Each structure stands twice: as C-alpha cells, then as structure tokens.
Amino acid sequence: MKIFVLFSIFIIVIFLIGRDLINAAKRNLLKNQAAWSGKDMKMKYTSSRELPDSTNNDNYLKIIADESEVYLEDHEKEKEDEKNSLIH
C-alpha cells in the first residue's frame, strides 16, 4: 500500500512538473507570435466611409498627385511664356 501511495505521488509530481515545463516552452517559443497575429494591434476605424479629400493628411498619394499636377501646369506655362517671348 505504501508503494502504491508513493508511486501515485511520484506520478502526480512528474505530471505537474512536466506540464509547467511544456507551458514554459510554449511561452518562450511562441512569445513573438502575438505581435504578428494581430492580437496586440489596436486599429481605429472611423464611422465615415467617405474618401478623404486631398486636404486631409491621411491621403498622401492624393496630395502628391495634386501638387505634381500644379507643378507640371506651372512648368508648362513657363515654357509657353518663353516660346511666346522668343516669337514676339
């Protein structure tokens, strides 16, 4: 009877220690997974579904496109003015 009690306590202790070791190994091996899985990422959504205008700083490509269009128009006007001044 004493052997059975000691054997069962021994098995329970090994089971508990093994469970803790497995949990520690999982934590160490997978600790960076939460950063990539999106669980720690907090996204802010707006209730508006409208596209922002170029005056809004969130749409950088639209701002760049508008500015380059203005620059190209000014550059084209300068070339036309130079041609007109050479002709006259």
N, C-alpha and C. Protein backbone atom coordinates (compact mmCIF):
# COMPACT_ATOMS: atom_id res chain seq x y z
N MET A 1 0.83 -1.20 0.00
CA MET A 1 0.00 0.00 0.00
C MET A 1 0.86 1.25 0.00
N LYS A 2 1.95 1.23 0.80
CA LYS A 2 2.85 2.39 0.84
C LYS A 2 3.50 2.62 -0.53
N ILE A 3 3.82 1.54 -1.23
CA ILE A 3 4.44 1.67 -2.54
C ILE A 3 3.45 2.30 -3.52
N PHE A 4 2.22 1.93 -3.47
CA PHE A 4 1.19 2.48 -4.34
C PHE A 4 1.00 3.98 -4.09
N VAL A 5 0.97 4.41 -2.83
CA VAL A 5 0.81 5.83 -2.50
C VAL A 5 2.03 6.61 -2.97
N LEU A 6 3.25 6.10 -2.70
CA LEU A 6 4.46 6.77 -3.15
C LEU A 6 4.53 6.84 -4.67
N PHE A 7 4.16 5.77 -5.33
CA PHE A 7 4.18 5.74 -6.78
C PHE A 7 3.17 6.73 -7.37
N SER A 8 1.98 6.83 -6.81
CA SER A 8 0.97 7.78 -7.31
C SER A 8 1.41 9.22 -7.06
N ILE A 9 2.00 9.51 -5.90
CA ILE A 9 2.52 10.86 -5.62
C ILE A 9 3.64 11.20 -6.61
N PHE A 10 4.50 10.23 -6.87
CA PHE A 10 5.61 10.43 -7.81
C PHE A 10 5.07 10.74 -9.21
N ILE A 11 4.06 10.03 -9.64
CA ILE A 11 3.47 10.26 -10.97
C ILE A 11 2.80 11.63 -11.03
N ILE A 12 2.11 12.02 -9.98
CA ILE A 12 1.45 13.34 -9.95
C ILE A 12 2.47 14.46 -9.99
N VAL A 13 3.57 14.32 -9.25
CA VAL A 13 4.63 15.34 -9.25
C VAL A 13 5.26 15.44 -10.63
N ILE A 14 5.55 14.32 -11.26
CA ILE A 14 6.13 14.35 -12.61
C ILE A 14 5.15 14.99 -13.59
N PHE A 15 3.88 14.67 -13.47
CA PHE A 15 2.87 15.26 -14.35
C PHE A 15 2.81 16.78 -14.18
N LEU A 16 2.81 17.28 -12.95
CA LEU A 16 2.73 18.72 -12.71
C LEU A 16 3.98 19.44 -13.20
N ILE A 17 5.15 18.87 -12.93
CA ILE A 17 6.40 19.49 -13.39
C ILE A 17 6.46 19.47 -14.91
N GLY A 18 6.07 18.37 -15.51
CA GLY A 18 6.07 18.28 -16.98
C GLY A 18 5.12 19.28 -17.61
N ARG A 19 3.97 19.47 -17.00
CA ARG A 19 3.01 20.44 -17.52
C ARG A 19 3.58 21.86 -17.46
N ASP A 20 4.24 22.19 -16.36
CA ASP A 20 4.84 23.52 -16.23
C ASP A 20 5.97 23.71 -17.24
N LEU A 21 6.76 22.68 -17.46
CA LEU A 21 7.85 22.78 -18.44
C LEU A 21 7.30 22.96 -19.86
N ILE A 22 6.25 22.24 -20.18
CA ILE A 22 5.65 22.38 -21.52
C ILE A 22 5.06 23.77 -21.70
N ASN A 23 4.39 24.30 -20.69
CA ASN A 23 3.84 25.66 -20.79
C ASN A 23 4.94 26.71 -20.92
N ALA A 24 6.04 26.54 -20.19
CA ALA A 24 7.16 27.48 -20.28
C ALA A 24 7.78 27.43 -21.67
N ALA A 25 7.92 26.22 -22.22
CA ALA A 25 8.49 26.08 -23.57
C ALA A 25 7.58 26.73 -24.61
N LYS A 26 6.28 26.57 -24.48
CA LYS A 26 5.35 27.20 -25.41
C LYS A 26 5.45 28.72 -25.35
N ARG A 27 5.52 29.25 -24.12
CA ARG A 27 5.63 30.70 -23.97
C ARG A 27 6.90 31.23 -24.61
N ASN A 28 8.02 30.55 -24.40
CA ASN A 28 9.29 31.04 -24.94
C ASN A 28 9.37 30.88 -26.45
N LEU A 29 8.83 29.81 -26.99
CA LEU A 29 8.90 29.58 -28.42
C LEU A 29 7.93 30.46 -29.19
N LEU A 30 6.80 30.77 -28.60
CA LEU A 30 5.76 31.49 -29.32
C LEU A 30 5.53 32.91 -28.79
N LYS A 31 6.51 33.48 -28.07
CA LYS A 31 6.25 34.78 -27.44
C LYS A 31 6.14 35.91 -28.45
N ASN A 32 6.76 35.81 -29.62
CA ASN A 32 6.66 36.87 -30.62
C ASN A 32 5.49 36.67 -31.56
N GLN A 33 4.79 35.57 -31.45
CA GLN A 33 3.67 35.31 -32.33
C GLN A 33 2.52 36.28 -32.10
N ALA A 34 2.31 36.70 -30.88
CA ALA A 34 1.19 37.60 -30.58
C ALA A 34 1.36 38.94 -31.28
N ALA A 35 2.60 39.39 -31.43
CA ALA A 35 2.83 40.66 -32.09
C ALA A 35 2.46 40.60 -33.57
N TRP A 36 2.62 39.43 -34.18
CA TRP A 36 2.33 39.29 -35.60
C TRP A 36 0.93 38.77 -35.88
N SER A 37 0.27 38.23 -34.89
CA SER A 37 -1.05 37.66 -35.14
C SER A 37 -2.16 38.69 -35.11
N GLY A 38 -1.87 39.90 -34.68
CA GLY A 38 -2.88 40.95 -34.67
C GLY A 38 -3.62 41.06 -33.36
N LYS A 39 -3.29 40.24 -32.38
CA LYS A 39 -4.00 40.30 -31.11
C LYS A 39 -3.64 41.56 -30.34
N ASP A 40 -2.39 42.02 -30.47
CA ASP A 40 -1.95 43.19 -29.73
C ASP A 40 -2.14 44.48 -30.52
N MET A 41 -2.52 44.36 -31.77
CA MET A 41 -2.67 45.54 -32.60
C MET A 41 -4.06 46.13 -32.39
N LYS A 42 -4.10 47.42 -32.15
CA LYS A 42 -5.38 48.10 -31.97
C LYS A 42 -5.60 49.03 -33.15
N MET A 43 -6.63 48.76 -33.91
CA MET A 43 -6.92 49.56 -35.09
C MET A 43 -8.10 50.48 -34.78
N LYS A 44 -7.98 51.70 -35.25
CA LYS A 44 -9.06 52.66 -35.07
C LYS A 44 -9.79 52.82 -36.39
N TYR A 45 -11.08 52.59 -36.36
CA TYR A 45 -11.90 52.74 -37.55
C TYR A 45 -12.81 53.94 -37.36
N THR A 46 -13.00 54.66 -38.44
CA THR A 46 -13.93 55.78 -38.38
C THR A 46 -15.29 55.31 -38.89
N SER A 47 -16.30 55.98 -38.44
CA SER A 47 -17.65 55.60 -38.88
C SER A 47 -17.93 56.09 -40.29
N SER A 48 -17.17 57.05 -40.77
CA SER A 48 -17.38 57.59 -42.10
C SER A 48 -16.75 56.68 -43.14
N ARG A 49 -17.47 56.43 -44.20
CA ARG A 49 -16.97 55.60 -45.29
C ARG A 49 -16.55 56.45 -46.48
N GLU A 50 -16.60 57.77 -46.36
CA GLU A 50 -16.26 58.65 -47.47
C GLU A 50 -14.76 58.69 -47.66
N LEU A 51 -14.35 58.90 -48.90
CA LEU A 51 -12.93 59.03 -49.18
C LEU A 51 -12.48 60.43 -48.76
N PRO A 52 -11.34 60.55 -48.12
CA PRO A 52 -10.88 61.87 -47.70
C PRO A 52 -10.43 62.70 -48.89
N ASP A 53 -10.60 64.01 -48.77
CA ASP A 53 -10.13 64.92 -49.81
C ASP A 53 -8.63 65.08 -49.71
N SER A 54 -8.07 65.80 -50.67
CA SER A 54 -6.63 65.98 -50.67
C SER A 54 -6.18 66.92 -49.55
N THR A 55 -7.12 67.62 -48.93
CA THR A 55 -6.75 68.49 -47.81
C THR A 55 -6.51 67.67 -46.54
N ASN A 56 -7.03 66.46 -46.50
CA ASN A 56 -6.83 65.59 -45.34
C ASN A 56 -5.44 64.96 -45.44
N ASN A 57 -4.70 64.94 -44.35
CA ASN A 57 -3.33 64.44 -44.37
C ASN A 57 -3.23 62.92 -44.43
N ASP A 58 -4.36 62.22 -44.37
CA ASP A 58 -4.32 60.76 -44.43
C ASP A 58 -4.09 60.24 -45.84
N ASN A 59 -4.41 61.02 -46.85
CA ASN A 59 -4.30 60.57 -48.22
C ASN A 59 -3.08 61.22 -48.88
N TYR A 60 -1.90 60.68 -48.56
CA TYR A 60 -0.65 61.29 -49.02
C TYR A 60 -0.47 61.19 -50.53
N LEU A 61 -0.88 60.09 -51.13
CA LEU A 61 -0.71 59.95 -52.57
C LEU A 61 -1.56 60.96 -53.33
N LYS A 62 -2.74 61.24 -52.84
CA LYS A 62 -3.59 62.24 -53.48
C LYS A 62 -2.96 63.62 -53.36
N ILE A 63 -2.37 63.93 -52.22
CA ILE A 63 -1.70 65.23 -52.04
C ILE A 63 -0.54 65.36 -53.00
N ILE A 64 0.26 64.31 -53.12
CA ILE A 64 1.42 64.35 -54.02
C ILE A 64 0.96 64.50 -55.46
N ALA A 65 -0.10 63.79 -55.84
CA ALA A 65 -0.61 63.88 -57.21
C ALA A 65 -1.10 65.29 -57.51
N ASP A 66 -1.81 65.89 -56.58
CA ASP A 66 -2.31 67.26 -56.79
C ASP A 66 -1.16 68.26 -56.90
N GLU A 67 -0.16 68.12 -56.04
CA GLU A 67 0.97 69.04 -56.07
C GLU A 67 1.79 68.88 -57.35
N SER A 68 1.97 67.64 -57.80
CA SER A 68 2.73 67.45 -59.03
C SER A 68 1.94 67.95 -60.24
N GLU A 69 0.62 67.85 -60.22
CA GLU A 69 -0.17 68.39 -61.31
C GLU A 69 -0.03 69.91 -61.39
N VAL A 70 -0.07 70.56 -60.24
CA VAL A 70 0.10 72.02 -60.20
C VAL A 70 1.50 72.40 -60.68
N TYR A 71 2.51 71.64 -60.24
CA TYR A 71 3.89 71.93 -60.66
C TYR A 71 4.03 71.77 -62.17
N LEU A 72 3.48 70.69 -62.72
CA LEU A 72 3.60 70.48 -64.17
C LEU A 72 2.85 71.55 -64.95
N GLU A 73 1.70 71.98 -64.47
CA GLU A 73 0.98 73.06 -65.14
C GLU A 73 1.79 74.35 -65.12
N ASP A 74 2.38 74.68 -63.99
CA ASP A 74 3.21 75.90 -63.90
C ASP A 74 4.42 75.79 -64.81
N HIS A 75 5.04 74.62 -64.84
CA HIS A 75 6.21 74.42 -65.68
C HIS A 75 5.83 74.56 -67.16
N GLU A 76 4.67 74.04 -67.54
CA GLU A 76 4.20 74.14 -68.93
C GLU A 76 3.90 75.59 -69.29
N LYS A 77 3.32 76.34 -68.37
CA LYS A 77 3.04 77.76 -68.62
C LYS A 77 4.33 78.54 -68.80
N GLU A 78 5.34 78.23 -68.02
CA GLU A 78 6.64 78.91 -68.16
C GLU A 78 7.25 78.64 -69.52
N LYS A 79 7.16 77.41 -70.00
CA LYS A 79 7.70 77.09 -71.33
C LYS A 79 6.94 77.83 -72.43
N GLU A 80 5.60 77.91 -72.28
CA GLU A 80 4.81 78.63 -73.26
C GLU A 80 5.15 80.12 -73.25
N ASP A 81 5.37 80.68 -72.07
CA ASP A 81 5.74 82.09 -71.97
C ASP A 81 7.09 82.34 -72.61
N GLU A 82 8.04 81.42 -72.44
CA GLU A 82 9.35 81.57 -73.07
C GLU A 82 9.24 81.52 -74.59
N LYS A 83 8.41 80.59 -75.10
CA LYS A 83 8.22 80.50 -76.55
C LYS A 83 7.57 81.76 -77.07
N ASN A 84 6.57 82.28 -76.35
CA ASN A 84 5.88 83.50 -76.80
C ASN A 84 6.82 84.70 -76.76
N SER A 85 7.69 84.77 -75.77
CA SER A 85 8.61 85.91 -75.69
C SER A 85 9.67 85.83 -76.79
N LEU A 86 10.05 84.63 -77.21
CA LEU A 86 11.02 84.49 -78.30
C LEU A 86 10.39 84.83 -79.65
N ILE A 87 9.12 84.54 -79.79
CA ILE A 87 8.43 84.81 -81.03
C ILE A 87 8.18 86.30 -81.19
N HIS A 88 7.84 86.99 -80.15
CA HIS A 88 7.49 88.42 -80.23
C HIS A 88 8.70 89.20 -80.15
